[in-house]
Amino acid sequence: MAEIISLSKARKAKARTEKEAAAEANRQKFGRTKGEKLKDAAEKSTAEKHLDGHKLED
């Protein structure tokens, strides 16, 4: 026979795993040093300038 499960416990477990995944994403997004943030900003700026330099017209 099938195992009986509590739907509320299953729902809470699913919510817990989703919250943990969101927390991990936030740790990666916001848990960076100032140097890493400046490096990423510089790389983004360089990439934008490179793309803008290759435009055919404004």
N, C-alpha and C. Protein backbone atom coordinates (compact mmCIF):
# COMPACT_ATOMS: atom_id res chain seq x y z
N MET A 1 0.83 -1.19 0.00
CA MET A 1 0.00 0.00 0.00
C MET A 1 0.87 1.25 0.00
N ALA A 2 0.27 2.34 -0.36
CA ALA A 2 0.99 3.61 -0.42
C ALA A 2 1.22 4.16 0.99
N GLU A 3 2.30 4.88 1.10
CA GLU A 3 2.63 5.49 2.38
C GLU A 3 1.78 6.74 2.59
N ILE A 4 1.24 6.90 3.76
CA ILE A 4 0.40 8.06 4.07
C ILE A 4 1.32 9.22 4.45
N ILE A 5 1.08 10.37 3.80
CA ILE A 5 1.88 11.55 4.09
C ILE A 5 0.97 12.70 4.51
N SER A 6 1.51 13.58 5.30
CA SER A 6 0.78 14.76 5.73
C SER A 6 1.02 15.86 4.68
N LEU A 7 -0.07 16.35 4.11
CA LEU A 7 0.08 17.37 3.07
C LEU A 7 0.65 18.66 3.63
N SER A 8 0.28 19.00 4.86
CA SER A 8 0.81 20.24 5.44
C SER A 8 2.32 20.12 5.67
N LYS A 9 2.79 18.95 6.10
CA LYS A 9 4.23 18.77 6.28
C LYS A 9 4.95 18.80 4.95
N ALA A 10 4.36 18.23 3.92
CA ALA A 10 4.98 18.24 2.59
C ALA A 10 5.03 19.67 2.05
N ARG A 11 3.97 20.42 2.26
CA ARG A 11 3.91 21.81 1.79
C ARG A 11 4.96 22.65 2.52
N LYS A 12 5.09 22.44 3.84
CA LYS A 12 6.08 23.19 4.61
C LYS A 12 7.50 22.82 4.20
N ALA A 13 7.74 21.55 3.92
CA ALA A 13 9.07 21.12 3.49
C ALA A 13 9.43 21.73 2.14
N LYS A 14 8.45 21.80 1.24
CA LYS A 14 8.69 22.41 -0.07
C LYS A 14 9.00 23.89 0.09
N ALA A 15 8.25 24.58 0.93
CA ALA A 15 8.49 26.00 1.16
C ALA A 15 9.87 26.22 1.78
N ARG A 16 10.28 25.33 2.67
CA ARG A 16 11.58 25.43 3.31
C ARG A 16 12.71 25.30 2.29
N THR A 17 12.57 24.36 1.37
CA THR A 17 13.62 24.19 0.35
C THR A 17 13.66 25.37 -0.61
N GLU A 18 12.49 25.94 -0.94
CA GLU A 18 12.46 27.11 -1.81
C GLU A 18 13.11 28.31 -1.13
N LYS A 19 12.85 28.49 0.17
CA LYS A 19 13.46 29.59 0.90
C LYS A 19 14.97 29.42 0.97
N GLU A 20 15.43 28.20 1.14
CA GLU A 20 16.86 27.93 1.20
C GLU A 20 17.52 28.23 -0.15
N ALA A 21 16.83 27.90 -1.24
CA ALA A 21 17.37 28.19 -2.57
C ALA A 21 17.46 29.71 -2.79
N ALA A 22 16.44 30.44 -2.35
CA ALA A 22 16.45 31.89 -2.49
C ALA A 22 17.56 32.50 -1.63
N ALA A 23 17.75 31.95 -0.43
CA ALA A 23 18.81 32.45 0.45
C ALA A 23 20.18 32.21 -0.16
N GLU A 24 20.38 31.07 -0.79
CA GLU A 24 21.66 30.78 -1.44
C GLU A 24 21.92 31.76 -2.58
N ALA A 25 20.87 32.05 -3.36
CA ALA A 25 21.02 33.01 -4.46
C ALA A 25 21.37 34.39 -3.93
N ASN A 26 20.75 34.80 -2.83
CA ASN A 26 21.05 36.10 -2.24
C ASN A 26 22.46 36.14 -1.68
N ARG A 27 22.91 35.04 -1.11
CA ARG A 27 24.28 35.01 -0.59
C ARG A 27 25.28 35.20 -1.72
N GLN A 28 25.00 34.61 -2.85
CA GLN A 28 25.91 34.75 -3.99
C GLN A 28 25.81 36.15 -4.59
N LYS A 29 24.62 36.72 -4.62
CA LYS A 29 24.42 38.02 -5.25
C LYS A 29 24.95 39.16 -4.38
N PHE A 30 24.65 39.12 -3.08
CA PHE A 30 24.97 40.24 -2.21
C PHE A 30 26.18 39.99 -1.31
N GLY A 31 26.64 38.77 -1.22
CA GLY A 31 27.74 38.45 -0.33
C GLY A 31 29.08 38.58 -1.01
N ARG A 32 29.33 39.72 -1.63
CA ARG A 32 30.59 39.92 -2.34
C ARG A 32 31.35 41.07 -1.70
N THR A 33 32.65 41.08 -1.89
CA THR A 33 33.46 42.16 -1.36
C THR A 33 33.34 43.40 -2.25
N LYS A 34 33.82 44.51 -1.72
CA LYS A 34 33.77 45.76 -2.47
C LYS A 34 34.60 45.66 -3.74
N GLY A 35 35.73 45.00 -3.65
CA GLY A 35 36.59 44.82 -4.82
C GLY A 35 35.91 44.02 -5.91
N GLU A 36 35.21 42.98 -5.53
CA GLU A 36 34.49 42.16 -6.52
C GLU A 36 33.39 42.98 -7.19
N LYS A 37 32.69 43.79 -6.40
CA LYS A 37 31.62 44.64 -6.97
C LYS A 37 32.21 45.65 -7.95
N LEU A 38 33.34 46.27 -7.58
CA LEU A 38 33.98 47.25 -8.47
C LEU A 38 34.48 46.59 -9.75
N LYS A 39 35.03 45.39 -9.62
CA LYS A 39 35.52 44.66 -10.79
C LYS A 39 34.37 44.34 -11.75
N ASP A 40 33.23 43.88 -11.20
CA ASP A 40 32.07 43.57 -12.03
C ASP A 40 31.53 44.83 -12.72
N ALA A 41 31.51 45.94 -11.99
CA ALA A 41 31.04 47.20 -12.57
C ALA A 41 31.96 47.64 -13.71
N ALA A 42 33.27 47.50 -13.53
CA ALA A 42 34.22 47.87 -14.57
C ALA A 42 34.06 46.98 -15.80
N GLU A 43 33.88 45.70 -15.59
CA GLU A 43 33.69 44.78 -16.72
C GLU A 43 32.41 45.11 -17.48
N LYS A 44 31.35 45.43 -16.74
CA LYS A 44 30.08 45.78 -17.38
C LYS A 44 30.23 47.06 -18.19
N SER A 45 30.92 48.05 -17.62
CA SER A 45 31.14 49.31 -18.32
C SER A 45 31.94 49.10 -19.60
N THR A 46 32.98 48.28 -19.52
CA THR A 46 33.81 48.00 -20.69
C THR A 46 33.00 47.30 -21.78
N ALA A 47 32.15 46.36 -21.37
CA ALA A 47 31.33 45.64 -22.34
C ALA A 47 30.33 46.58 -23.02
N GLU A 48 29.73 47.49 -22.24
CA GLU A 48 28.79 48.45 -22.82
C GLU A 48 29.48 49.39 -23.80
N LYS A 49 30.68 49.85 -23.45
CA LYS A 49 31.43 50.73 -24.34
C LYS A 49 31.79 50.00 -25.63
N HIS A 50 32.16 48.73 -25.51
CA HIS A 50 32.50 47.93 -26.68
C HIS A 50 31.31 47.78 -27.61
N LEU A 51 30.14 47.52 -27.03
CA LEU A 51 28.93 47.37 -27.85
C LEU A 51 28.52 48.69 -28.49
N ASP A 52 28.62 49.78 -27.71
CA ASP A 52 28.26 51.08 -28.25
C ASP A 52 29.20 51.51 -29.36
N GLY A 53 30.43 51.11 -29.29
CA GLY A 53 31.40 51.44 -30.34
C GLY A 53 31.14 50.73 -31.64
N HIS A 54 30.37 49.66 -31.59
CA HIS A 54 30.09 48.89 -32.80
C HIS A 54 28.71 49.18 -33.39
N LYS A 55 28.02 50.19 -32.85
CA LYS A 55 26.71 50.55 -33.41
C LYS A 55 26.90 51.21 -34.78
N LEU A 56 25.97 50.92 -35.66
CA LEU A 56 26.04 51.53 -36.98
C LEU A 56 25.49 52.94 -36.98
N GLU A 57 24.44 53.19 -36.22
CA GLU A 57 23.88 54.52 -36.11
C GLU A 57 23.17 54.65 -34.77
N ASP A 58 22.96 55.90 -34.31
CA ASP A 58 22.33 56.14 -33.00
C ASP A 58 20.86 55.92 -33.00
